[in-house]
Amino acid sequence: MNLFLTLAFLFCIGSVLGWGLEVIFRRFFSAHHWVNPGFLVGPYLPLYGSSLCVLYLLAMLEPLMPGDSPWLKKILLFVVMALAITALEYVAGMIFIHGMKIKLWDYSDRWGNVKGIICPLFTFFWLVLSAVYYFLIHPHILSALHWLAENLAFSFCIGFFYGIFLIDVGYSTHLMVKIRAFAAETNIVVRVEELREDIHQALQKKNVRRFFFSMHGGVPVREMLDQYVKQHFSREKSQGKWIRLPSKKAKEKKSK
């Protein structure tokens, strides 16, 4: 199987598995309720799919790592993997912030964060996941690809995934363009996690449960964004600009 098909397969698997990991993390450690992470509607996160492709390519560089000890080579490889994914996370975050005026994730409350996009804690998590990938996943990739080549019916599932994925990207991009226009008009950056939580709370008040369409509260996008600004920003009368209010976590830390 050529490299393109290999990476296409890994992107699919990584996006789905990463989505599942984020769902569990947010349920028990972050949001404390079931939430569909990311901006897309379906069960996939492209950042994790891209990261798995990066890990696969970097794993080939192990013989080039300096040092005589095999374990030292592995540790250095894991560090390189973690830094590479952190760099990918930073570039992706900056593209959305400056290009779309949207912040898909926010580490502003984490120690040592850079613009709320990356932080040492999640770089450490990437390091751990790199080691997990190396020992538990990478050794089985070639056999999985061999199985895939002999079971072409499963290839249909991969094709189906990309068909649904592209439709989802188009659908979500349409919403993203509307958010970008609003953000440019008000000169703010919309934090998706905050917006999603606002919608979740509004739906709870209406006794409505929604998982896959968590970014759609059944109200016009403009109205949804107007409410978001009023809840998280205050108007600076002298300059006529919106000033971000402290987050709930920041208020809790200050009170302590």
C-alpha atoms as a PDB file:
ATOM      1  CA  MET A   1       0.000   0.000   0.000  1.00  0.00           C
ATOM      2  CA  ASN A   2       1.469   3.355  -1.015  1.00  0.00           C
ATOM      3  CA  LEU A   3       2.200   6.162   1.429  1.00  0.00           C
ATOM      4  CA  PHE A   4      -0.856   8.223   0.466  1.00  0.00           C
ATOM      5  CA  LEU A   5      -3.302   5.405   1.224  1.00  0.00           C
ATOM      6  CA  THR A   6      -1.440   4.612   4.432  1.00  0.00           C
ATOM      7  CA  LEU A   7      -1.742   8.202   5.660  1.00  0.00           C
ATOM      8  CA  ALA A   8      -5.393   8.347   4.565  1.00  0.00           C
ATOM      9  CA  PHE A   9      -6.096   5.241   6.655  1.00  0.00           C
ATOM     10  CA  LEU A  10      -4.174   6.616   9.658  1.00  0.00           C
ATOM     11  CA  PHE A  11      -5.926   9.992   9.446  1.00  0.00           C
ATOM     12  CA  CYS A  12      -9.288   8.236   9.553  1.00  0.00           C
ATOM     13  CA  ILE A  13      -8.398   6.007  12.509  1.00  0.00           C
ATOM     14  CA  GLY A  14      -6.621   8.781  14.425  1.00  0.00           C
ATOM     15  CA  SER A  15      -9.480  11.252  13.972  1.00  0.00           C
ATOM     16  CA  VAL A  16     -12.053   8.794  15.354  1.00  0.00           C
ATOM     17  CA  LEU A  17      -9.908   7.477  18.228  1.00  0.00           C
ATOM     18  CA  GLY A  18      -8.838  11.012  19.186  1.00  0.00           C
ATOM     19  CA  TRP A  19     -12.465  12.092  19.235  1.00  0.00           C
ATOM     20  CA  GLY A  20     -13.297   9.259  21.619  1.00  0.00           C
ATOM     21  CA  LEU A  21     -10.376  10.197  23.851  1.00  0.00           C
ATOM     22  CA  GLU A  22     -11.494  13.834  23.993  1.00  0.00           C
ATOM     23  CA  VAL A  23     -15.086  12.862  24.780  1.00  0.00           C
ATOM     24  CA  ILE A  24     -13.938  10.803  27.774  1.00  0.00           C
ATOM     25  CA  PHE A  25     -11.464  13.481  28.933  1.00  0.00           C
ATOM     26  CA  ARG A  26     -14.100  16.217  28.842  1.00  0.00           C
ATOM     27  CA  ARG A  27     -16.706  14.051  30.552  1.00  0.00           C
ATOM     28  CA  PHE A  28     -14.559  13.158  33.559  1.00  0.00           C
ATOM     29  CA  PHE A  29     -11.829  15.835  33.784  1.00  0.00           C
ATOM     30  CA  SER A  30     -12.858  19.012  31.992  1.00  0.00           C
ATOM     31  CA  ALA A  31     -16.481  19.905  31.192  1.00  0.00           C
ATOM     32  CA  HIS A  32     -17.861  17.137  33.475  1.00  0.00           C
ATOM     33  CA  HIS A  33     -20.665  16.340  31.072  1.00  0.00           C
ATOM     34  CA  TRP A  34     -20.932  14.562  27.748  1.00  0.00           C
ATOM     35  CA  VAL A  35     -19.969  16.945  24.977  1.00  0.00           C
ATOM     36  CA  ASN A  36     -19.010  16.569  21.339  1.00  0.00           C
ATOM     37  CA  PRO A  37     -15.528  18.141  21.151  1.00  0.00           C
ATOM     38  CA  GLY A  38     -14.202  20.122  18.222  1.00  0.00           C
ATOM     39  CA  PHE A  39     -16.102  22.162  15.669  1.00  0.00           C
ATOM     40  CA  LEU A  40     -17.293  19.450  13.307  1.00  0.00           C
ATOM     41  CA  VAL A  41     -20.579  17.640  13.844  1.00  0.00           C
ATOM     42  CA  GLY A  42     -19.420  14.050  13.423  1.00  0.00           C
ATOM     43  CA  PRO A  43     -17.271  11.779  15.620  1.00  0.00           C
ATOM     44  CA  TYR A  44     -13.825  12.834  14.461  1.00  0.00           C
ATOM     45  CA  LEU A  45     -11.113  15.378  15.262  1.00  0.00           C
ATOM     46  CA  PRO A  46      -8.781  16.191  12.342  1.00  0.00           C
ATOM     47  CA  LEU A  47      -5.990  17.352  14.666  1.00  0.00           C
ATOM     48  CA  TYR A  48      -5.661  13.836  16.088  1.00  0.00           C
ATOM     49  CA  GLY A  49      -5.786  12.307  12.622  1.00  0.00           C
ATOM     50  CA  SER A  50      -2.991  14.615  11.464  1.00  0.00           C
ATOM     51  CA  SER A  51      -1.042  13.873  14.645  1.00  0.00           C
ATOM     52  CA  LEU A  52      -1.229  10.119  14.067  1.00  0.00           C
ATOM     53  CA  CYS A  53       0.165  10.636  10.555  1.00  0.00           C
ATOM     54  CA  VAL A  54       3.006  12.712  12.031  1.00  0.00           C
ATOM     55  CA  LEU A  55       3.763  10.013  14.623  1.00  0.00           C
ATOM     56  CA  TYR A  56       3.848   7.342  11.920  1.00  0.00           C
ATOM     57  CA  LEU A  57       6.320   9.335   9.814  1.00  0.00           C
ATOM     58  CA  LEU A  58       8.523  10.307  12.772  1.00  0.00           C
ATOM     59  CA  ALA A  59       8.706   6.722  14.048  1.00  0.00           C
ATOM     60  CA  MET A  60      10.770   5.955  10.948  1.00  0.00           C
ATOM     61  CA  LEU A  61      13.450   8.358  12.221  1.00  0.00           C
ATOM     62  CA  GLU A  62      14.333   6.288  15.304  1.00  0.00           C
ATOM     63  CA  PRO A  63      17.603   4.968  13.784  1.00  0.00           C
ATOM     64  CA  LEU A  64      18.692   8.581  13.244  1.00  0.00           C
ATOM     65  CA  MET A  65      18.304   9.542  16.912  1.00  0.00           C
ATOM     66  CA  PRO A  66      21.663  10.263  18.624  1.00  0.00           C
ATOM     67  CA  GLY A  67      23.001   8.018  21.377  1.00  0.00           C
ATOM     68  CA  ASP A  68      24.100   4.421  21.763  1.00  0.00           C
ATOM     69  CA  SER A  69      21.394   3.276  24.159  1.00  0.00           C
ATOM     70  CA  PRO A  70      18.189   2.003  22.509  1.00  0.00           C
ATOM     71  CA  TRP A  71      16.139   3.482  25.341  1.00  0.00           C
ATOM     72  CA  LEU A  72      17.823   6.864  24.965  1.00  0.00           C
ATOM     73  CA  LYS A  73      16.940   6.813  21.275  1.00  0.00           C
ATOM     74  CA  LYS A  74      13.323   6.036  22.149  1.00  0.00           C
ATOM     75  CA  ILE A  75      13.094   8.814  24.752  1.00  0.00           C
ATOM     76  CA  LEU A  76      14.534  11.345  22.303  1.00  0.00           C
ATOM     77  CA  LEU A  77      12.105  10.119  19.669  1.00  0.00           C
ATOM     78  CA  PHE A  78       9.158  10.616  22.036  1.00  0.00           C
ATOM     79  CA  VAL A  79      10.370  14.153  22.811  1.00  0.00           C
ATOM     80  CA  VAL A  80      10.627  14.940  19.093  1.00  0.00           C
ATOM     81  CA  MET A  81       7.143  13.515  18.541  1.00  0.00           C
ATOM     82  CA  ALA A  82       5.655  15.591  21.371  1.00  0.00           C
ATOM     83  CA  LEU A  83       7.315  18.781  20.136  1.00  0.00           C
ATOM     84  CA  ALA A  84       6.207  18.113  16.557  1.00  0.00           C
ATOM     85  CA  ILE A  85       2.572  17.651  17.578  1.00  0.00           C
ATOM     86  CA  THR A  86       2.763  20.717  19.827  1.00  0.00           C
ATOM     87  CA  ALA A  87       4.048  22.692  16.829  1.00  0.00           C
ATOM     88  CA  LEU A  88       1.188  21.309  14.723  1.00  0.00           C
ATOM     89  CA  GLU A  89      -1.272  22.308  17.440  1.00  0.00           C
ATOM     90  CA  TYR A  90       0.211  25.820  17.565  1.00  0.00           C
ATOM     91  CA  VAL A  91       0.107  26.338  13.796  1.00  0.00           C
ATOM     92  CA  ALA A  92      -3.482  25.056  13.566  1.00  0.00           C
ATOM     93  CA  GLY A  93      -4.548  27.261  16.473  1.00  0.00           C
ATOM     94  CA  MET A  94      -2.927  30.373  14.996  1.00  0.00           C
ATOM     95  CA  ILE A  95      -4.486  29.753  11.576  1.00  0.00           C
ATOM     96  CA  PHE A  96      -7.979  29.656  13.088  1.00  0.00           C
ATOM     97  CA  ILE A  97      -7.388  32.643  15.369  1.00  0.00           C
ATOM     98  CA  HIS A  98      -5.951  34.952  12.709  1.00  0.00           C
ATOM     99  CA  GLY A  99      -7.750  33.533   9.695  1.00  0.00           C
ATOM    100  CA  MET A 100     -11.191  32.776  11.143  1.00  0.00           C
ATOM    101  CA  LYS A 101     -11.234  34.794  14.410  1.00  0.00           C
ATOM    102  CA  ILE A 102     -12.092  31.533  16.169  1.00  0.00           C
ATOM    103  CA  LYS A 103     -10.317  29.852  19.082  1.00  0.00           C
ATOM    104  CA  LEU A 104     -11.115  26.139  18.912  1.00  0.00           C
ATOM    105  CA  TRP A 105      -9.508  25.305  22.268  1.00  0.00           C
ATOM    106  CA  ASP A 106      -8.216  27.421  25.119  1.00  0.00           C
ATOM    107  CA  TYR A 107      -5.362  26.723  27.556  1.00  0.00           C
ATOM    108  CA  SER A 108      -5.289  30.278  28.929  1.00  0.00           C
ATOM    109  CA  ASP A 109      -5.801  29.016  32.474  1.00  0.00           C
ATOM    110  CA  ARG A 110      -2.887  26.566  32.211  1.00  0.00           C
ATOM    111  CA  TRP A 111       0.604  27.343  33.493  1.00  0.00           C
ATOM    112  CA  GLY A 112       3.172  28.333  30.853  1.00  0.00           C
ATOM    113  CA  ASN A 113       0.640  28.570  28.038  1.00  0.00           C
ATOM    114  CA  VAL A 114       1.484  30.406  24.822  1.00  0.00           C
ATOM    115  CA  LYS A 115      -1.463  32.507  23.627  1.00  0.00           C
ATOM    116  CA  GLY A 116      -3.763  29.898  25.130  1.00  0.00           C
ATOM    117  CA  ILE A 117      -2.974  27.544  22.235  1.00  0.00           C
ATOM    118  CA  ILE A 118      -0.246  25.317  23.660  1.00  0.00           C
ATOM    119  CA  CYS A 119       1.038  24.642  27.158  1.00  0.00           C
ATOM    120  CA  PRO A 120       3.594  22.371  28.895  1.00  0.00           C
ATOM    121  CA  LEU A 121       0.918  20.141  30.426  1.00  0.00           C
ATOM    122  CA  PHE A 122      -0.567  19.135  27.088  1.00  0.00           C
ATOM    123  CA  THR A 123       2.896  18.777  25.556  1.00  0.00           C
ATOM    124  CA  PHE A 124       3.513  16.236  28.320  1.00  0.00           C
ATOM    125  CA  PHE A 125       0.248  14.508  27.391  1.00  0.00           C
ATOM    126  CA  TRP A 126       1.448  14.366  23.780  1.00  0.00           C
ATOM    127  CA  LEU A 127       4.683  12.813  25.052  1.00  0.00           C
ATOM    128  CA  VAL A 128       2.740  10.100  26.871  1.00  0.00           C
ATOM    129  CA  LEU A 129       0.504   9.488  23.860  1.00  0.00           C
ATOM    130  CA  SER A 130       3.589   9.267  21.635  1.00  0.00           C
ATOM    131  CA  ALA A 131       4.963   6.485  23.838  1.00  0.00           C
ATOM    132  CA  VAL A 132       1.568   4.736  23.828  1.00  0.00           C
ATOM    133  CA  TYR A 133       1.474   4.972  20.050  1.00  0.00           C
ATOM    134  CA  TYR A 134       5.026   3.636  19.679  1.00  0.00           C
ATOM    135  CA  PHE A 135       4.549   0.577  21.897  1.00  0.00           C
ATOM    136  CA  LEU A 136       0.888  -0.301  21.346  1.00  0.00           C
ATOM    137  CA  ILE A 137      -0.089   0.956  17.893  1.00  0.00           C
ATOM    138  CA  HIS A 138       2.893   1.378  15.601  1.00  0.00           C
ATOM    139  CA  PRO A 139       3.988  -2.299  15.697  1.00  0.00           C
ATOM    140  CA  HIS A 140       0.561  -3.329  14.437  1.00  0.00           C
ATOM    141  CA  ILE A 141       0.094  -0.731  11.710  1.00  0.00           C
ATOM    142  CA  LEU A 142       1.781  -2.718   8.964  1.00  0.00           C
ATOM    143  CA  SER A 143      -0.255  -5.829   9.749  1.00  0.00           C
ATOM    144  CA  ALA A 144      -3.429  -3.701   9.852  1.00  0.00           C
ATOM    145  CA  LEU A 145      -2.608  -2.217   6.466  1.00  0.00           C
ATOM    146  CA  HIS A 146      -1.918  -5.702   5.100  1.00  0.00           C
ATOM    147  CA  TRP A 147      -5.301  -6.849   6.399  1.00  0.00           C
ATOM    148  CA  LEU A 148      -6.934  -3.801   4.835  1.00  0.00           C
ATOM    149  CA  ALA A 149      -5.368  -4.589   1.460  1.00  0.00           C
ATOM    150  CA  GLU A 150      -6.784  -8.120   1.590  1.00  0.00           C
ATOM    151  CA  ASN A 151     -10.231  -7.007   2.778  1.00  0.00           C
ATOM    152  CA  LEU A 152     -11.209  -4.419   0.219  1.00  0.00           C
ATOM    153  CA  ALA A 153     -14.772  -4.321   1.563  1.00  0.00           C
ATOM    154  CA  PHE A 154     -13.399  -2.405   4.547  1.00  0.00           C
ATOM    155  CA  SER A 155     -11.956   0.136   2.124  1.00  0.00           C
ATOM    156  CA  PHE A 156     -15.562   1.088   1.407  1.00  0.00           C
ATOM    157  CA  CYS A 157     -15.861   2.138   5.069  1.00  0.00           C
ATOM    158  CA  ILE A 158     -12.813   4.375   4.681  1.00  0.00           C
ATOM    159  CA  GLY A 159     -14.331   5.931   1.569  1.00  0.00           C
ATOM    160  CA  PHE A 160     -17.641   6.383   3.372  1.00  0.00           C
ATOM    161  CA  PHE A 161     -15.799   8.106   6.229  1.00  0.00           C
ATOM    162  CA  TYR A 162     -14.200  10.636   3.879  1.00  0.00           C
ATOM    163  CA  GLY A 163     -17.497  11.243   2.081  1.00  0.00           C
ATOM    164  CA  ILE A 164     -19.289  12.081   5.337  1.00  0.00           C
ATOM    165  CA  PHE A 165     -16.231  13.971   6.596  1.00  0.00           C
ATOM    166  CA  LEU A 166     -16.123  16.293   3.556  1.00  0.00           C
ATOM    167  CA  ILE A 167     -19.857  16.992   3.803  1.00  0.00           C
ATOM    168  CA  ASP A 168     -19.383  17.799   7.484  1.00  0.00           C
ATOM    169  CA  VAL A 169     -16.456  20.118   6.720  1.00  0.00           C
ATOM    170  CA  GLY A 170     -18.589  22.008   4.207  1.00  0.00           C
ATOM    171  CA  TYR A 171     -21.517  22.252   6.620  1.00  0.00           C
ATOM    172  CA  SER A 172     -19.364  23.376   9.550  1.00  0.00           C
ATOM    173  CA  THR A 173     -17.361  25.819   7.426  1.00  0.00           C
ATOM    174  CA  HIS A 174     -20.627  27.563   6.531  1.00  0.00           C
ATOM    175  CA  LEU A 175     -21.247  28.178  10.245  1.00  0.00           C
ATOM    176  CA  MET A 176     -17.616  29.126  10.766  1.00  0.00           C
ATOM    177  CA  VAL A 177     -17.809  31.802   8.061  1.00  0.00           C
ATOM    178  CA  LYS A 178     -20.794  33.375   9.824  1.00  0.00           C
ATOM    179  CA  ILE A 179     -18.919  33.370  13.134  1.00  0.00           C
ATOM    180  CA  ARG A 180     -15.874  34.896  11.449  1.00  0.00           C
ATOM    181  CA  ALA A 181     -17.962  37.707   9.960  1.00  0.00           C
ATOM    182  CA  PHE A 182     -19.460  38.464  13.372  1.00  0.00           C
ATOM    183  CA  ALA A 183     -16.043  38.309  15.082  1.00  0.00           C
ATOM    184  CA  ALA A 184     -14.541  40.686  12.507  1.00  0.00           C
ATOM    185  CA  GLU A 185     -17.473  43.078  12.935  1.00  0.00           C
ATOM    186  CA  THR A 186     -17.144  43.185  16.729  1.00  0.00           C
ATOM    187  CA  ASN A 187     -13.320  42.856  16.701  1.00  0.00           C
ATOM    188  CA  ILE A 188     -13.256  39.851  19.029  1.00  0.00           C
ATOM    189  CA  VAL A 189     -12.063  36.246  18.933  1.00  0.00           C
ATOM    190  CA  VAL A 190     -14.815  33.715  19.567  1.00  0.00           C
ATOM    191  CA  ARG A 191     -13.818  30.921  21.914  1.00  0.00           C
ATOM    192  CA  VAL A 192     -15.663  27.847  20.698  1.00  0.00           C
ATOM    193  CA  GLU A 193     -15.584  26.050  24.057  1.00  0.00           C
ATOM    194  CA  GLU A 194     -17.260  29.018  25.753  1.00  0.00           C
ATOM    195  CA  LEU A 195     -19.837  29.301  22.986  1.00  0.00           C
ATOM    196  CA  ARG A 196     -20.595  25.575  23.166  1.00  0.00           C
ATOM    197  CA  GLU A 197     -21.049  25.738  26.942  1.00  0.00           C
ATOM    198  CA  ASP A 198     -23.407  28.704  26.602  1.00  0.00           C
ATOM    199  CA  ILE A 199     -25.495  26.745  24.112  1.00  0.00           C
ATOM    200  CA  HIS A 200     -25.401  23.658  26.343  1.00  0.00           C
ATOM    201  CA  GLN A 201     -26.692  25.629  29.333  1.00  0.00           C
ATOM    202  CA  ALA A 202     -29.414  27.263  27.220  1.00  0.00           C
ATOM    203  CA  LEU A 203     -30.539  23.853  25.989  1.00  0.00           C
ATOM    204  CA  GLN A 204     -30.550  22.476  29.533  1.00  0.00           C
ATOM    205  CA  LYS A 205     -32.943  25.224  30.584  1.00  0.00           C
ATOM    206  CA  LYS A 206     -35.237  24.122  27.764  1.00  0.00           C
ATOM    207  CA  ASN A 207     -34.748  20.476  28.829  1.00  0.00           C
ATOM    208  CA  VAL A 208     -33.278  19.704  25.409  1.00  0.00           C
ATOM    209  CA  ARG A 209     -30.355  17.293  25.018  1.00  0.00           C
ATOM    210  CA  ARG A 210     -28.163  17.557  21.968  1.00  0.00           C
ATOM    211  CA  PHE A 211     -24.794  15.875  21.435  1.00  0.00           C
ATOM    212  CA  PHE A 212     -23.685  15.849  17.796  1.00  0.00           C
ATOM    213  CA  PHE A 213     -25.174  19.237  16.934  1.00  0.00           C
ATOM    214  CA  SER A 214     -23.874  20.891  20.089  1.00  0.00           C
ATOM    215  CA  MET A 215     -23.060  24.136  18.250  1.00  0.00           C
ATOM    216  CA  HIS A 216     -26.637  24.590  17.113  1.00  0.00           C
ATOM    217  CA  GLY A 217     -29.064  25.717  19.786  1.00  0.00           C
ATOM    218  CA  GLY A 218     -32.102  26.050  17.564  1.00  0.00           C
ATOM    219  CA  VAL A 219     -31.708  29.844  17.325  1.00  0.00           C
ATOM    220  CA  PRO A 220     -30.301  32.070  14.542  1.00  0.00           C
ATOM    221  CA  VAL A 221     -26.491  32.279  14.512  1.00  0.00           C
ATOM    222  CA  ARG A 222     -26.554  36.055  14.946  1.00  0.00           C
ATOM    223  CA  GLU A 223     -28.755  35.843  18.022  1.00  0.00           C
ATOM    224  CA  MET A 224     -26.580  33.079  19.443  1.00  0.00           C
ATOM    225  CA  LEU A 225     -23.431  35.195  18.998  1.00  0.00           C
ATOM    226  CA  ASP A 226     -25.054  38.356  20.370  1.00  0.00           C
ATOM    227  CA  GLN A 227     -25.844  36.465  23.567  1.00  0.00           C
ATOM    228  CA  TYR A 228     -22.296  35.109  23.687  1.00  0.00           C
ATOM    229  CA  VAL A 229     -20.779  38.607  23.498  1.00  0.00           C
ATOM    230  CA  LYS A 230     -23.093  39.999  26.171  1.00  0.00           C
ATOM    231  CA  GLN A 231     -22.165  37.153  28.522  1.00  0.00           C
ATOM    232  CA  HIS A 232     -18.387  37.205  28.078  1.00  0.00           C
ATOM    233  CA  PHE A 233     -17.572  40.803  27.116  1.00  0.00           C
ATOM    234  CA  SER A 234     -18.276  44.333  28.323  1.00  0.00           C
ATOM    235  CA  ARG A 235     -18.441  47.446  26.191  1.00  0.00           C
ATOM    236  CA  GLU A 236     -15.650  49.981  26.748  1.00  0.00           C
ATOM    237  CA  LYS A 237     -17.491  53.278  26.303  1.00  0.00           C
ATOM    238  CA  SER A 238     -14.395  55.454  25.873  1.00  0.00           C
ATOM    239  CA  GLN A 239     -12.945  53.333  23.063  1.00  0.00           C
ATOM    240  CA  GLY A 240     -16.117  51.706  21.792  1.00  0.00           C
ATOM    241  CA  LYS A 241     -14.523  48.235  21.988  1.00  0.00           C
ATOM    242  CA  TRP A 242     -15.571  44.960  23.547  1.00  0.00           C
ATOM    243  CA  ILE A 243     -13.389  44.014  26.537  1.00  0.00           C
ATOM    244  CA  ARG A 244     -13.286  40.356  27.585  1.00  0.00           C
ATOM    245  CA  LEU A 245     -14.575  39.625  31.073  1.00  0.00           C
ATOM    246  CA  PRO A 246     -12.619  37.226  33.353  1.00  0.00           C
ATOM    247  CA  SER A 247     -13.572  33.597  32.833  1.00  0.00           C
ATOM    248  CA  LYS A 248     -15.277  31.559  35.551  1.00  0.00           C
ATOM    249  CA  LYS A 249     -12.027  29.714  36.279  1.00  0.00           C
ATOM    250  CA  ALA A 250     -10.122  33.000  36.581  1.00  0.00           C
ATOM    251  CA  LYS A 251     -12.750  34.319  39.012  1.00  0.00           C
ATOM    252  CA  GLU A 252     -12.538  31.139  41.093  1.00  0.00           C
ATOM    253  CA  LYS A 253      -8.719  31.385  41.282  1.00  0.00           C
ATOM    254  CA  LYS A 254      -8.930  35.049  42.263  1.00  0.00           C
ATOM    255  CA  SER A 255     -11.448  34.329  45.014  1.00  0.00           C
ATOM    256  CA  LYS A 256      -9.126  31.679  46.455  1.00  0.00           C
END
